[in-house]
Amino acid sequence: RNLVEAVAEDWGTLLTWQSVNPDFSSV
């Protein structure tokens, strides 16, 4: 979360992140 927020501030745009499990998520 902290890294994404740092990148979002650097790029000047709203960005987010999410938790996913590749065993149950499609490509």
mmCIF file of all heavy atoms, coordinates in Angstrom:
data_MODEL
# 
_entry.id   MODEL 
# 
loop_
_atom_site.group_PDB 
_atom_site.id 
_atom_site.type_symbol 
_atom_site.label_atom_id 
_atom_site.label_alt_id 
_atom_site.label_comp_id 
_atom_site.label_asym_id 
_atom_site.label_entity_id 
_atom_site.label_seq_id 
_atom_site.pdbx_PDB_ins_code 
_atom_site.Cartn_x 
_atom_site.Cartn_y 
_atom_site.Cartn_z 
_atom_site.occupancy 
_atom_site.B_iso_or_equiv 
_atom_site.pdbx_formal_charge 
_atom_site.auth_seq_id 
_atom_site.auth_comp_id 
_atom_site.auth_asym_id 
_atom_site.auth_atom_id 
_atom_site.pdbx_PDB_model_num 
ATOM 1   N N   . ARG A 1 1  ? 0.833   -1.203  0.000   1.00 0.00 ? 1  ARG A N   1 
ATOM 2   C CA  . ARG A 1 1  ? 0.000   0.000   0.000   1.00 0.00 ? 1  ARG A CA  1 
ATOM 3   C C   . ARG A 1 1  ? 0.874   1.261   0.000   1.00 0.00 ? 1  ARG A C   1 
ATOM 4   O O   . ARG A 1 1  ? 0.660   2.192   -0.767  1.00 0.00 ? 1  ARG A O   1 
ATOM 5   C CB  . ARG A 1 1  ? -0.901  0.021   1.229   1.00 0.00 ? 1  ARG A CB  1 
ATOM 6   C CG  . ARG A 1 1  ? -1.773  1.273   1.314   1.00 0.00 ? 1  ARG A CG  1 
ATOM 7   C CD  . ARG A 1 1  ? -2.163  1.625   2.753   1.00 0.00 ? 1  ARG A CD  1 
ATOM 8   N NE  . ARG A 1 1  ? -2.504  0.478   3.552   1.00 0.00 ? 1  ARG A NE  1 
ATOM 9   C CZ  . ARG A 1 1  ? -3.662  -0.156  3.510   1.00 0.00 ? 1  ARG A CZ  1 
ATOM 10  N NH1 . ARG A 1 1  ? -4.609  0.252   2.679   1.00 0.00 ? 1  ARG A NH1 1 
ATOM 11  N NH2 . ARG A 1 1  ? -3.880  -1.197  4.273   1.00 0.00 ? 1  ARG A NH2 1 
ATOM 12  N N   . ASN A 1 2  ? 1.885   1.293   0.891   1.00 0.00 ? 2  ASN A N   1 
ATOM 13  C CA  . ASN A 1 2  ? 2.733   2.477   0.986   1.00 0.00 ? 2  ASN A CA  1 
ATOM 14  C C   . ASN A 1 2  ? 3.495   2.724   -0.315  1.00 0.00 ? 2  ASN A C   1 
ATOM 15  O O   . ASN A 1 2  ? 3.648   3.877   -0.742  1.00 0.00 ? 2  ASN A O   1 
ATOM 16  C CB  . ASN A 1 2  ? 3.720   2.319   2.144   1.00 0.00 ? 2  ASN A CB  1 
ATOM 17  C CG  . ASN A 1 2  ? 3.055   2.444   3.506   1.00 0.00 ? 2  ASN A CG  1 
ATOM 18  O OD1 . ASN A 1 2  ? 1.942   2.959   3.623   1.00 0.00 ? 2  ASN A OD1 1 
ATOM 19  N ND2 . ASN A 1 2  ? 3.721   1.967   4.539   1.00 0.00 ? 2  ASN A ND2 1 
ATOM 20  N N   . LEU A 1 3  ? 3.980   1.660   -0.934  1.00 0.00 ? 3  LEU A N   1 
ATOM 21  C CA  . LEU A 1 3  ? 4.718   1.826   -2.192  1.00 0.00 ? 3  LEU A CA  1 
ATOM 22  C C   . LEU A 1 3  ? 3.806   2.357   -3.286  1.00 0.00 ? 3  LEU A C   1 
ATOM 23  O O   . LEU A 1 3  ? 4.185   3.265   -4.040  1.00 0.00 ? 3  LEU A O   1 
ATOM 24  C CB  . LEU A 1 3  ? 5.338   0.495   -2.620  1.00 0.00 ? 3  LEU A CB  1 
ATOM 25  C CG  . LEU A 1 3  ? 6.149   0.552   -3.925  1.00 0.00 ? 3  LEU A CG  1 
ATOM 26  C CD1 . LEU A 1 3  ? 7.349   1.485   -3.780  1.00 0.00 ? 3  LEU A CD1 1 
ATOM 27  C CD2 . LEU A 1 3  ? 6.598   -0.841  -4.343  1.00 0.00 ? 3  LEU A CD2 1 
ATOM 28  N N   . VAL A 1 4  ? 2.602   1.813   -3.397  1.00 0.00 ? 4  VAL A N   1 
ATOM 29  C CA  . VAL A 1 4  ? 1.656   2.279   -4.414  1.00 0.00 ? 4  VAL A CA  1 
ATOM 30  C C   . VAL A 1 4  ? 1.311   3.745   -4.191  1.00 0.00 ? 4  VAL A C   1 
ATOM 31  O O   . VAL A 1 4  ? 1.224   4.534   -5.148  1.00 0.00 ? 4  VAL A O   1 
ATOM 32  C CB  . VAL A 1 4  ? 0.390   1.401   -4.430  1.00 0.00 ? 4  VAL A CB  1 
ATOM 33  C CG1 . VAL A 1 4  ? -0.695  2.019   -5.298  1.00 0.00 ? 4  VAL A CG1 1 
ATOM 34  C CG2 . VAL A 1 4  ? 0.729   0.000   -4.924  1.00 0.00 ? 4  VAL A CG2 1 
ATOM 35  N N   . GLU A 1 5  ? 1.123   4.138   -2.931  1.00 0.00 ? 5  GLU A N   1 
ATOM 36  C CA  . GLU A 1 5  ? 0.808   5.536   -2.657  1.00 0.00 ? 5  GLU A CA  1 
ATOM 37  C C   . GLU A 1 5  ? 1.973   6.449   -3.025  1.00 0.00 ? 5  GLU A C   1 
ATOM 38  O O   . GLU A 1 5  ? 1.766   7.568   -3.515  1.00 0.00 ? 5  GLU A O   1 
ATOM 39  C CB  . GLU A 1 5  ? 0.430   5.702   -1.183  1.00 0.00 ? 5  GLU A CB  1 
ATOM 40  C CG  . GLU A 1 5  ? -0.928  5.093   -0.856  1.00 0.00 ? 5  GLU A CG  1 
ATOM 41  C CD  . GLU A 1 5  ? -1.351  5.327   0.587   1.00 0.00 ? 5  GLU A CD  1 
ATOM 42  O OE1 . GLU A 1 5  ? -0.524  5.847   1.372   1.00 0.00 ? 5  GLU A OE1 1 
ATOM 43  O OE2 . GLU A 1 5  ? -2.491  4.977   0.925   1.00 0.00 ? 5  GLU A OE2 1 
ATOM 44  N N   . ALA A 1 6  ? 3.210   5.988   -2.816  1.00 0.00 ? 6  ALA A N   1 
ATOM 45  C CA  . ALA A 1 6  ? 4.376   6.791   -3.199  1.00 0.00 ? 6  ALA A CA  1 
ATOM 46  C C   . ALA A 1 6  ? 4.439   6.955   -4.711  1.00 0.00 ? 6  ALA A C   1 
ATOM 47  O O   . ALA A 1 6  ? 4.738   8.043   -5.226  1.00 0.00 ? 6  ALA A O   1 
ATOM 48  C CB  . ALA A 1 6  ? 5.657   6.139   -2.670  1.00 0.00 ? 6  ALA A CB  1 
ATOM 49  N N   . VAL A 1 7  ? 4.173   5.882   -5.444  1.00 0.00 ? 7  VAL A N   1 
ATOM 50  C CA  . VAL A 1 7  ? 4.182   5.952   -6.907  1.00 0.00 ? 7  VAL A CA  1 
ATOM 51  C C   . VAL A 1 7  ? 3.049   6.849   -7.400  1.00 0.00 ? 7  VAL A C   1 
ATOM 52  O O   . VAL A 1 7  ? 3.231   7.653   -8.323  1.00 0.00 ? 7  VAL A O   1 
ATOM 53  C CB  . VAL A 1 7  ? 4.072   4.540   -7.515  1.00 0.00 ? 7  VAL A CB  1 
ATOM 54  C CG1 . VAL A 1 7  ? 3.879   4.609   -9.031  1.00 0.00 ? 7  VAL A CG1 1 
ATOM 55  C CG2 . VAL A 1 7  ? 5.322   3.727   -7.182  1.00 0.00 ? 7  VAL A CG2 1 
ATOM 56  N N   . ALA A 1 8  ? 1.868   6.716   -6.782  1.00 0.00 ? 8  ALA A N   1 
ATOM 57  C CA  . ALA A 1 8  ? 0.730   7.549   -7.181  1.00 0.00 ? 8  ALA A CA  1 
ATOM 58  C C   . ALA A 1 8  ? 1.052   9.030   -6.995  1.00 0.00 ? 8  ALA A C   1 
ATOM 59  O O   . ALA A 1 8  ? 0.723   9.871   -7.848  1.00 0.00 ? 8  ALA A O   1 
ATOM 60  C CB  . ALA A 1 8  ? -0.510  7.166   -6.375  1.00 0.00 ? 8  ALA A CB  1 
ATOM 61  N N   . GLU A 1 9  ? 1.717   9.360   -5.894  1.00 0.00 ? 9  GLU A N   1 
ATOM 62  C CA  . GLU A 1 9  ? 2.097   10.761  -5.660  1.00 0.00 ? 9  GLU A CA  1 
ATOM 63  C C   . GLU A 1 9  ? 3.131   11.209  -6.685  1.00 0.00 ? 9  GLU A C   1 
ATOM 64  O O   . GLU A 1 9  ? 3.072   12.325  -7.206  1.00 0.00 ? 9  GLU A O   1 
ATOM 65  C CB  . GLU A 1 9  ? 2.648   10.916  -4.247  1.00 0.00 ? 9  GLU A CB  1 
ATOM 66  C CG  . GLU A 1 9  ? 3.010   12.348  -3.890  1.00 0.00 ? 9  GLU A CG  1 
ATOM 67  C CD  . GLU A 1 9  ? 3.491   12.496  -2.458  1.00 0.00 ? 9  GLU A CD  1 
ATOM 68  O OE1 . GLU A 1 9  ? 3.527   11.482  -1.729  1.00 0.00 ? 9  GLU A OE1 1 
ATOM 69  O OE2 . GLU A 1 9  ? 3.837   13.629  -2.074  1.00 0.00 ? 9  GLU A OE2 1 
ATOM 70  N N   . ASP A 1 10 ? 4.078   10.333  -6.994  1.00 0.00 ? 10 ASP A N   1 
ATOM 71  C CA  . ASP A 1 10 ? 5.120   10.667  -7.970  1.00 0.00 ? 10 ASP A CA  1 
ATOM 72  C C   . ASP A 1 10 ? 4.528   10.875  -9.360  1.00 0.00 ? 10 ASP A C   1 
ATOM 73  O O   . ASP A 1 10 ? 4.910   11.801  -10.082 1.00 0.00 ? 10 ASP A O   1 
ATOM 74  C CB  . ASP A 1 10 ? 6.159   9.539   -7.993  1.00 0.00 ? 10 ASP A CB  1 
ATOM 75  C CG  . ASP A 1 10 ? 7.303   9.821   -8.949  1.00 0.00 ? 10 ASP A CG  1 
ATOM 76  O OD1 . ASP A 1 10 ? 7.718   10.988  -9.056  1.00 0.00 ? 10 ASP A OD1 1 
ATOM 77  O OD2 . ASP A 1 10 ? 7.787   8.872   -9.594  1.00 0.00 ? 10 ASP A OD2 1 
ATOM 78  N N   . TRP A 1 11 ? 3.578   10.027  -9.744  1.00 0.00 ? 11 TRP A N   1 
ATOM 79  C CA  . TRP A 1 11 ? 2.962   10.122  -11.067 1.00 0.00 ? 11 TRP A CA  1 
ATOM 80  C C   . TRP A 1 11 ? 1.853   11.167  -11.126 1.00 0.00 ? 11 TRP A C   1 
ATOM 81  O O   . TRP A 1 11 ? 1.431   11.561  -12.209 1.00 0.00 ? 11 TRP A O   1 
ATOM 82  C CB  . TRP A 1 11 ? 2.386   8.773   -11.472 1.00 0.00 ? 11 TRP A CB  1 
ATOM 83  C CG  . TRP A 1 11 ? 3.396   7.713   -11.757 1.00 0.00 ? 11 TRP A CG  1 
ATOM 84  C CD1 . TRP A 1 11 ? 4.751   7.786   -11.595 1.00 0.00 ? 11 TRP A CD1 1 
ATOM 85  C CD2 . TRP A 1 11 ? 3.134   6.397   -12.248 1.00 0.00 ? 11 TRP A CD2 1 
ATOM 86  N NE1 . TRP A 1 11 ? 5.342   6.605   -11.946 1.00 0.00 ? 11 TRP A NE1 1 
ATOM 87  C CE2 . TRP A 1 11 ? 4.374   5.728   -12.349 1.00 0.00 ? 11 TRP A CE2 1 
ATOM 88  C CE3 . TRP A 1 11 ? 1.979   5.708   -12.594 1.00 0.00 ? 11 TRP A CE3 1 
ATOM 89  C CZ2 . TRP A 1 11 ? 4.481   4.414   -12.808 1.00 0.00 ? 11 TRP A CZ2 1 
ATOM 90  C CZ3 . TRP A 1 11 ? 2.079   4.404   -13.033 1.00 0.00 ? 11 TRP A CZ3 1 
ATOM 91  C CH2 . TRP A 1 11 ? 3.314   3.766   -13.142 1.00 0.00 ? 11 TRP A CH2 1 
ATOM 92  N N   . GLY A 1 12 ? 1.366   11.584  -9.962  1.00 0.00 ? 12 GLY A N   1 
ATOM 93  C CA  . GLY A 1 12 ? 0.276   12.552  -9.940  1.00 0.00 ? 12 GLY A CA  1 
ATOM 94  C C   . GLY A 1 12 ? -1.049  11.985  -10.397 1.00 0.00 ? 12 GLY A C   1 
ATOM 95  O O   . GLY A 1 12 ? -1.848  12.674  -11.039 1.00 0.00 ? 12 GLY A O   1 
ATOM 96  N N   . THR A 1 13 ? -1.312  10.724  -10.030 1.00 0.00 ? 13 THR A N   1 
ATOM 97  C CA  . THR A 1 13 ? -2.576  10.098  -10.430 1.00 0.00 ? 13 THR A CA  1 
ATOM 98  C C   . THR A 1 13 ? -3.021  9.128   -9.346  1.00 0.00 ? 13 THR A C   1 
ATOM 99  O O   . THR A 1 13 ? -2.199  8.630   -8.562  1.00 0.00 ? 13 THR A O   1 
ATOM 100 C CB  . THR A 1 13 ? -2.410  9.345   -11.772 1.00 0.00 ? 13 THR A CB  1 
ATOM 101 O OG1 . THR A 1 13 ? -3.684  8.895   -12.234 1.00 0.00 ? 13 THR A OG1 1 
ATOM 102 C CG2 . THR A 1 13 ? -1.511  8.132   -11.628 1.00 0.00 ? 13 THR A CG2 1 
ATOM 103 N N   . LEU A 1 14 ? -4.314  8.863   -9.282  1.00 0.00 ? 14 LEU A N   1 
ATOM 104 C CA  . LEU A 1 14 ? -4.857  7.943   -8.294  1.00 0.00 ? 14 LEU A CA  1 
ATOM 105 C C   . LEU A 1 14 ? -4.598  6.508   -8.731  1.00 0.00 ? 14 LEU A C   1 
ATOM 106 O O   . LEU A 1 14 ? -4.948  6.115   -9.845  1.00 0.00 ? 14 LEU A O   1 
ATOM 107 C CB  . LEU A 1 14 ? -6.368  8.172   -8.127  1.00 0.00 ? 14 LEU A CB  1 
ATOM 108 C CG  . LEU A 1 14 ? -7.083  7.290   -7.097  1.00 0.00 ? 14 LEU A CG  1 
ATOM 109 C CD1 . LEU A 1 14 ? -6.546  7.561   -5.693  1.00 0.00 ? 14 LEU A CD1 1 
ATOM 110 C CD2 . LEU A 1 14 ? -8.589  7.531   -7.141  1.00 0.00 ? 14 LEU A CD2 1 
ATOM 111 N N   . LEU A 1 15 ? -3.961  5.737   -7.863  1.00 0.00 ? 15 LEU A N   1 
ATOM 112 C CA  . LEU A 1 15 ? -3.676  4.327   -8.120  1.00 0.00 ? 15 LEU A CA  1 
ATOM 113 C C   . LEU A 1 15 ? -4.050  3.532   -6.881  1.00 0.00 ? 15 LEU A C   1 
ATOM 114 O O   . LEU A 1 15 ? -4.066  4.058   -5.766  1.00 0.00 ? 15 LEU A O   1 
ATOM 115 C CB  . LEU A 1 15 ? -2.186  4.116   -8.430  1.00 0.00 ? 15 LEU A CB  1 
ATOM 116 C CG  . LEU A 1 15 ? -1.624  4.812   -9.666  1.00 0.00 ? 15 LEU A CG  1 
ATOM 117 C CD1 . LEU A 1 15 ? -0.096  4.780   -9.651  1.00 0.00 ? 15 LEU A CD1 1 
ATOM 118 C CD2 . LEU A 1 15 ? -2.147  4.155   -10.938 1.00 0.00 ? 15 LEU A CD2 1 
ATOM 119 N N   . THR A 1 16 ? -4.324  2.259   -7.076  1.00 0.00 ? 16 THR A N   1 
ATOM 120 C CA  . THR A 1 16 ? -4.634  1.414   -5.933  1.00 0.00 ? 16 THR A CA  1 
ATOM 121 C C   . THR A 1 16 ? -3.977  0.056   -6.103  1.00 0.00 ? 16 THR A C   1 
ATOM 122 O O   . THR A 1 16 ? -3.252  -0.193  -7.069  1.00 0.00 ? 16 THR A O   1 
ATOM 123 C CB  . THR A 1 16 ? -6.164  1.289   -5.752  1.00 0.00 ? 16 THR A CB  1 
ATOM 124 O OG1 . THR A 1 16 ? -6.437  0.652   -4.500  1.00 0.00 ? 16 THR A OG1 1 
ATOM 125 C CG2 . THR A 1 16 ? -6.792  0.483   -6.881  1.00 0.00 ? 16 THR A CG2 1 
ATOM 126 N N   . TRP A 1 17 ? -4.244  -0.834  -5.178  1.00 0.00 ? 17 TRP A N   1 
ATOM 127 C CA  . TRP A 1 17 ? -3.678  -2.177  -5.166  1.00 0.00 ? 17 TRP A CA  1 
ATOM 128 C C   . TRP A 1 17 ? -4.768  -3.111  -4.673  1.00 0.00 ? 17 TRP A C   1 
ATOM 129 O O   . TRP A 1 17 ? -5.821  -2.679  -4.198  1.00 0.00 ? 17 TRP A O   1 
ATOM 130 C CB  . TRP A 1 17 ? -2.466  -2.243  -4.223  1.00 0.00 ? 17 TRP A CB  1 
ATOM 131 C CG  . TRP A 1 17 ? -2.843  -1.925  -2.813  1.00 0.00 ? 17 TRP A CG  1 
ATOM 132 C CD1 . TRP A 1 17 ? -3.097  -0.690  -2.290  1.00 0.00 ? 17 TRP A CD1 1 
ATOM 133 C CD2 . TRP A 1 17 ? -3.093  -2.850  -1.754  1.00 0.00 ? 17 TRP A CD2 1 
ATOM 134 N NE1 . TRP A 1 17 ? -3.476  -0.793  -0.973  1.00 0.00 ? 17 TRP A NE1 1 
ATOM 135 C CE2 . TRP A 1 17 ? -3.473  -2.095  -0.617  1.00 0.00 ? 17 TRP A CE2 1 
ATOM 136 C CE3 . TRP A 1 17 ? -3.008  -4.234  -1.653  1.00 0.00 ? 17 TRP A CE3 1 
ATOM 137 C CZ2 . TRP A 1 17 ? -3.774  -2.692  0.597   1.00 0.00 ? 17 TRP A CZ2 1 
ATOM 138 C CZ3 . TRP A 1 17 ? -3.307  -4.832  -0.442  1.00 0.00 ? 17 TRP A CZ3 1 
ATOM 139 C CH2 . TRP A 1 17 ? -3.680  -4.067  0.671   1.00 0.00 ? 17 TRP A CH2 1 
ATOM 140 N N   . GLN A 1 18 ? -4.545  -4.400  -4.808  1.00 0.00 ? 18 GLN A N   1 
ATOM 141 C CA  . GLN A 1 18 ? -5.531  -5.354  -4.309  1.00 0.00 ? 18 GLN A CA  1 
ATOM 142 C C   . GLN A 1 18 ? -4.842  -6.683  -4.040  1.00 0.00 ? 18 GLN A C   1 
ATOM 143 O O   . GLN A 1 18 ? -3.775  -6.979  -4.586  1.00 0.00 ? 18 GLN A O   1 
ATOM 144 C CB  . GLN A 1 18 ? -6.671  -5.543  -5.313  1.00 0.00 ? 18 GLN A CB  1 
ATOM 145 C CG  . GLN A 1 18 ? -6.233  -6.090  -6.650  1.00 0.00 ? 18 GLN A CG  1 
ATOM 146 C CD  . GLN A 1 18 ? -7.342  -6.082  -7.692  1.00 0.00 ? 18 GLN A CD  1 
ATOM 147 O OE1 . GLN A 1 18 ? -8.381  -5.464  -7.519  1.00 0.00 ? 18 GLN A OE1 1 
ATOM 148 N NE2 . GLN A 1 18 ? -7.127  -6.767  -8.804  1.00 0.00 ? 18 GLN A NE2 1 
ATOM 149 N N   . SER A 1 19 ? -5.453  -7.471  -3.189  1.00 0.00 ? 19 SER A N   1 
ATOM 150 C CA  . SER A 1 19 ? -4.955  -8.814  -2.892  1.00 0.00 ? 19 SER A CA  1 
ATOM 151 C C   . SER A 1 19 ? -5.737  -9.824  -3.716  1.00 0.00 ? 19 SER A C   1 
ATOM 152 O O   . SER A 1 19 ? -6.975  -9.787  -3.727  1.00 0.00 ? 19 SER A O   1 
ATOM 153 C CB  . SER A 1 19 ? -5.119  -9.117  -1.400  1.00 0.00 ? 19 SER A CB  1 
ATOM 154 O OG  . SER A 1 19 ? -4.384  -8.205  -0.615  1.00 0.00 ? 19 SER A OG  1 
ATOM 155 N N   . VAL A 1 20 ? -5.032  -10.700 -4.394  1.00 0.00 ? 20 VAL A N   1 
ATOM 156 C CA  . VAL A 1 20 ? -5.683  -11.747 -5.186  1.00 0.00 ? 20 VAL A CA  1 
ATOM 157 C C   . VAL A 1 20 ? -4.937  -13.051 -4.983  1.00 0.00 ? 20 VAL A C   1 
ATOM 158 O O   . VAL A 1 20 ? -3.735  -13.063 -4.709  1.00 0.00 ? 20 VAL A O   1 
ATOM 159 C CB  . VAL A 1 20 ? -5.718  -11.403 -6.698  1.00 0.00 ? 20 VAL A CB  1 
ATOM 160 C CG1 . VAL A 1 20 ? -6.568  -10.174 -6.960  1.00 0.00 ? 20 VAL A CG1 1 
ATOM 161 C CG2 . VAL A 1 20 ? -4.322  -11.200 -7.253  1.00 0.00 ? 20 VAL A CG2 1 
ATOM 162 N N   . ASN A 1 21 ? -5.656  -14.142 -5.136  1.00 0.00 ? 21 ASN A N   1 
ATOM 163 C CA  . ASN A 1 21 ? -5.069  -15.470 -5.016  1.00 0.00 ? 21 ASN A CA  1 
ATOM 164 C C   . ASN A 1 21 ? -5.006  -16.088 -6.407  1.00 0.00 ? 21 ASN A C   1 
ATOM 165 O O   . ASN A 1 21 ? -6.044  -16.367 -7.007  1.00 0.00 ? 21 ASN A O   1 
ATOM 166 C CB  . ASN A 1 21 ? -5.916  -16.342 -4.087  1.00 0.00 ? 21 ASN A CB  1 
ATOM 167 C CG  . ASN A 1 21 ? -5.222  -17.645 -3.736  1.00 0.00 ? 21 ASN A CG  1 
ATOM 168 O OD1 . ASN A 1 21 ? -4.489  -18.212 -4.540  1.00 0.00 ? 21 ASN A OD1 1 
ATOM 169 N ND2 . ASN A 1 21 ? -5.455  -18.132 -2.525  1.00 0.00 ? 21 ASN A ND2 1 
ATOM 170 N N   . PRO A 1 22 ? -3.803  -16.300 -6.958  1.00 0.00 ? 22 PRO A N   1 
ATOM 171 C CA  . PRO A 1 22 ? -3.708  -16.832 -8.326  1.00 0.00 ? 22 PRO A CA  1 
ATOM 172 C C   . PRO A 1 22 ? -4.268  -18.238 -8.482  1.00 0.00 ? 22 PRO A C   1 
ATOM 173 O O   . PRO A 1 22 ? -4.569  -18.661 -9.601  1.00 0.00 ? 22 PRO A O   1 
ATOM 174 C CB  . PRO A 1 22 ? -2.202  -16.800 -8.621  1.00 0.00 ? 22 PRO A CB  1 
ATOM 175 C CG  . PRO A 1 22 ? -1.547  -16.734 -7.286  1.00 0.00 ? 22 PRO A CG  1 
ATOM 176 C CD  . PRO A 1 22 ? -2.489  -16.019 -6.377  1.00 0.00 ? 22 PRO A CD  1 
ATOM 177 N N   . ASP A 1 23 ? -4.435  -18.955 -7.370  1.00 0.00 ? 23 ASP A N   1 
ATOM 178 C CA  . ASP A 1 23 ? -5.040  -20.292 -7.468  1.00 0.00 ? 23 ASP A CA  1 
ATOM 179 C C   . ASP A 1 23 ? -6.511  -20.208 -7.849  1.00 0.00 ? 23 ASP A C   1 
ATOM 180 O O   . ASP A 1 23 ? -7.061  -21.148 -8.427  1.00 0.00 ? 23 ASP A O   1 
ATOM 181 C CB  . ASP A 1 23 ? -4.902  -21.034 -6.138  1.00 0.00 ? 23 ASP A CB  1 
ATOM 182 C CG  . ASP A 1 23 ? -3.556  -21.715 -5.992  1.00 0.00 ? 23 ASP A CG  1 
ATOM 183 O OD1 . ASP A 1 23 ? -3.040  -22.217 -7.004  1.00 0.00 ? 23 ASP A OD1 1 
ATOM 184 O OD2 . ASP A 1 23 ? -3.010  -21.719 -4.878  1.00 0.00 ? 23 ASP A OD2 1 
ATOM 185 N N   . PHE A 1 24 ? -7.165  -19.087 -7.506  1.00 0.00 ? 24 PHE A N   1 
ATOM 186 C CA  . PHE A 1 24 ? -8.601  -18.972 -7.733  1.00 0.00 ? 24 PHE A CA  1 
ATOM 187 C C   . PHE A 1 24 ? -8.973  -17.826 -8.670  1.00 0.00 ? 24 PHE A C   1 
ATOM 188 O O   . PHE A 1 24 ? -10.149 -17.621 -8.955  1.00 0.00 ? 24 PHE A O   1 
ATOM 189 C CB  . PHE A 1 24 ? -9.331  -18.799 -6.397  1.00 0.00 ? 24 PHE A CB  1 
ATOM 190 C CG  . PHE A 1 24 ? -9.038  -19.890 -5.406  1.00 0.00 ? 24 PHE A CG  1 
ATOM 191 C CD1 . PHE A 1 24 ? -8.216  -19.658 -4.320  1.00 0.00 ? 24 PHE A CD1 1 
ATOM 192 C CD2 . PHE A 1 24 ? -9.553  -21.159 -5.586  1.00 0.00 ? 24 PHE A CD2 1 
ATOM 193 C CE1 . PHE A 1 24 ? -7.928  -20.658 -3.412  1.00 0.00 ? 24 PHE A CE1 1 
ATOM 194 C CE2 . PHE A 1 24 ? -9.277  -22.174 -4.686  1.00 0.00 ? 24 PHE A CE2 1 
ATOM 195 C CZ  . PHE A 1 24 ? -8.463  -21.931 -3.596  1.00 0.00 ? 24 PHE A CZ  1 
ATOM 196 N N   . SER A 1 25 ? -8.006  -17.049 -9.116  1.00 0.00 ? 25 SER A N   1 
ATOM 197 C CA  . SER A 1 25 ? -8.273  -15.932 -10.023 1.00 0.00 ? 25 SER A CA  1 
ATOM 198 C C   . SER A 1 25 ? -7.891  -16.312 -11.442 1.00 0.00 ? 25 SER A C   1 
ATOM 199 O O   . SER A 1 25 ? -6.890  -16.998 -11.668 1.00 0.00 ? 25 SER A O   1 
ATOM 200 C CB  . SER A 1 25 ? -7.467  -14.695 -9.598  1.00 0.00 ? 25 SER A CB  1 
ATOM 201 O OG  . SER A 1 25 ? -7.868  -14.231 -8.339  1.00 0.00 ? 25 SER A OG  1 
ATOM 202 N N   . SER A 1 26 ? -8.682  -15.860 -12.386 1.00 0.00 ? 26 SER A N   1 
ATOM 203 C CA  . SER A 1 26 ? -8.365  -16.111 -13.786 1.00 0.00 ? 26 SER A CA  1 
ATOM 204 C C   . SER A 1 26 ? -7.200  -15.234 -14.217 1.00 0.00 ? 26 SER A C   1 
ATOM 205 O O   . SER A 1 26 ? -6.870  -14.233 -13.573 1.00 0.00 ? 26 SER A O   1 
ATOM 206 C CB  . SER A 1 26 ? -9.584  -15.809 -14.660 1.00 0.00 ? 26 SER A CB  1 
ATOM 207 O OG  . SER A 1 26 ? -9.883  -14.415 -14.623 1.00 0.00 ? 26 SER A OG  1 
ATOM 208 N N   . VAL A 1 27 ? -6.584  -15.599 -15.333 1.00 0.00 ? 27 VAL A N   1 
ATOM 209 C CA  . VAL A 1 27 ? -5.507  -14.781 -15.897 1.00 0.00 ? 27 VAL A CA  1 
ATOM 210 C C   . VAL A 1 27 ? -6.060  -13.410 -16.263 1.00 0.00 ? 27 VAL A C   1 
ATOM 211 O O   . VAL A 1 27 ? -5.402  -12.383 -16.070 1.00 0.00 ? 27 VAL A O   1 
ATOM 212 C CB  . VAL A 1 27 ? -4.886  -15.475 -17.120 1.00 0.00 ? 27 VAL A CB  1 
ATOM 213 C CG1 . VAL A 1 27 ? -3.820  -14.583 -17.769 1.00 0.00 ? 27 VAL A CG1 1 
ATOM 214 C CG2 . VAL A 1 27 ? -4.272  -16.809 -16.712 1.00 0.00 ? 27 VAL A CG2 1 
# 
